[in-house]
Amino acid sequence: MYSKKASRCRGQQGEAAKNSYDDKQRLREQYARPHVEEFFAWVEGEKARVAGTRGLLPKALGYATNHKAALMRYLEDGRVVLDNNRSVKGRPR
């Protein structure tokens, strides 16, 4: 479910690439924020559901919760890119 929404957000990101930073921020606010907020609401619900269990899912949900502010930063700043391709390409192998 959320992978489709993430794909849509990335698609909109690509379409907005030619816009100014302010326009990107406005478009993100309008189109991406509702999806991102829905995602974090889902994270909180799932985190409560799996509380006390062990495994990768509780870890991933905890990561998302702990880094929510950083993960949402791209909504507030049109200069921030949604992916990390540049940083991955620049890393030595």
Foldseek 3Di string as FASTA:
>chain_A
DLVVVVVVVLVVLVVCVVPDFVVQLVVCLVRVVVSLVVVLVVLVVVLVVQPPHDDDSVVVSVVCVVCVVVLCVCNHTSVDHNDCVVVVVPDDD
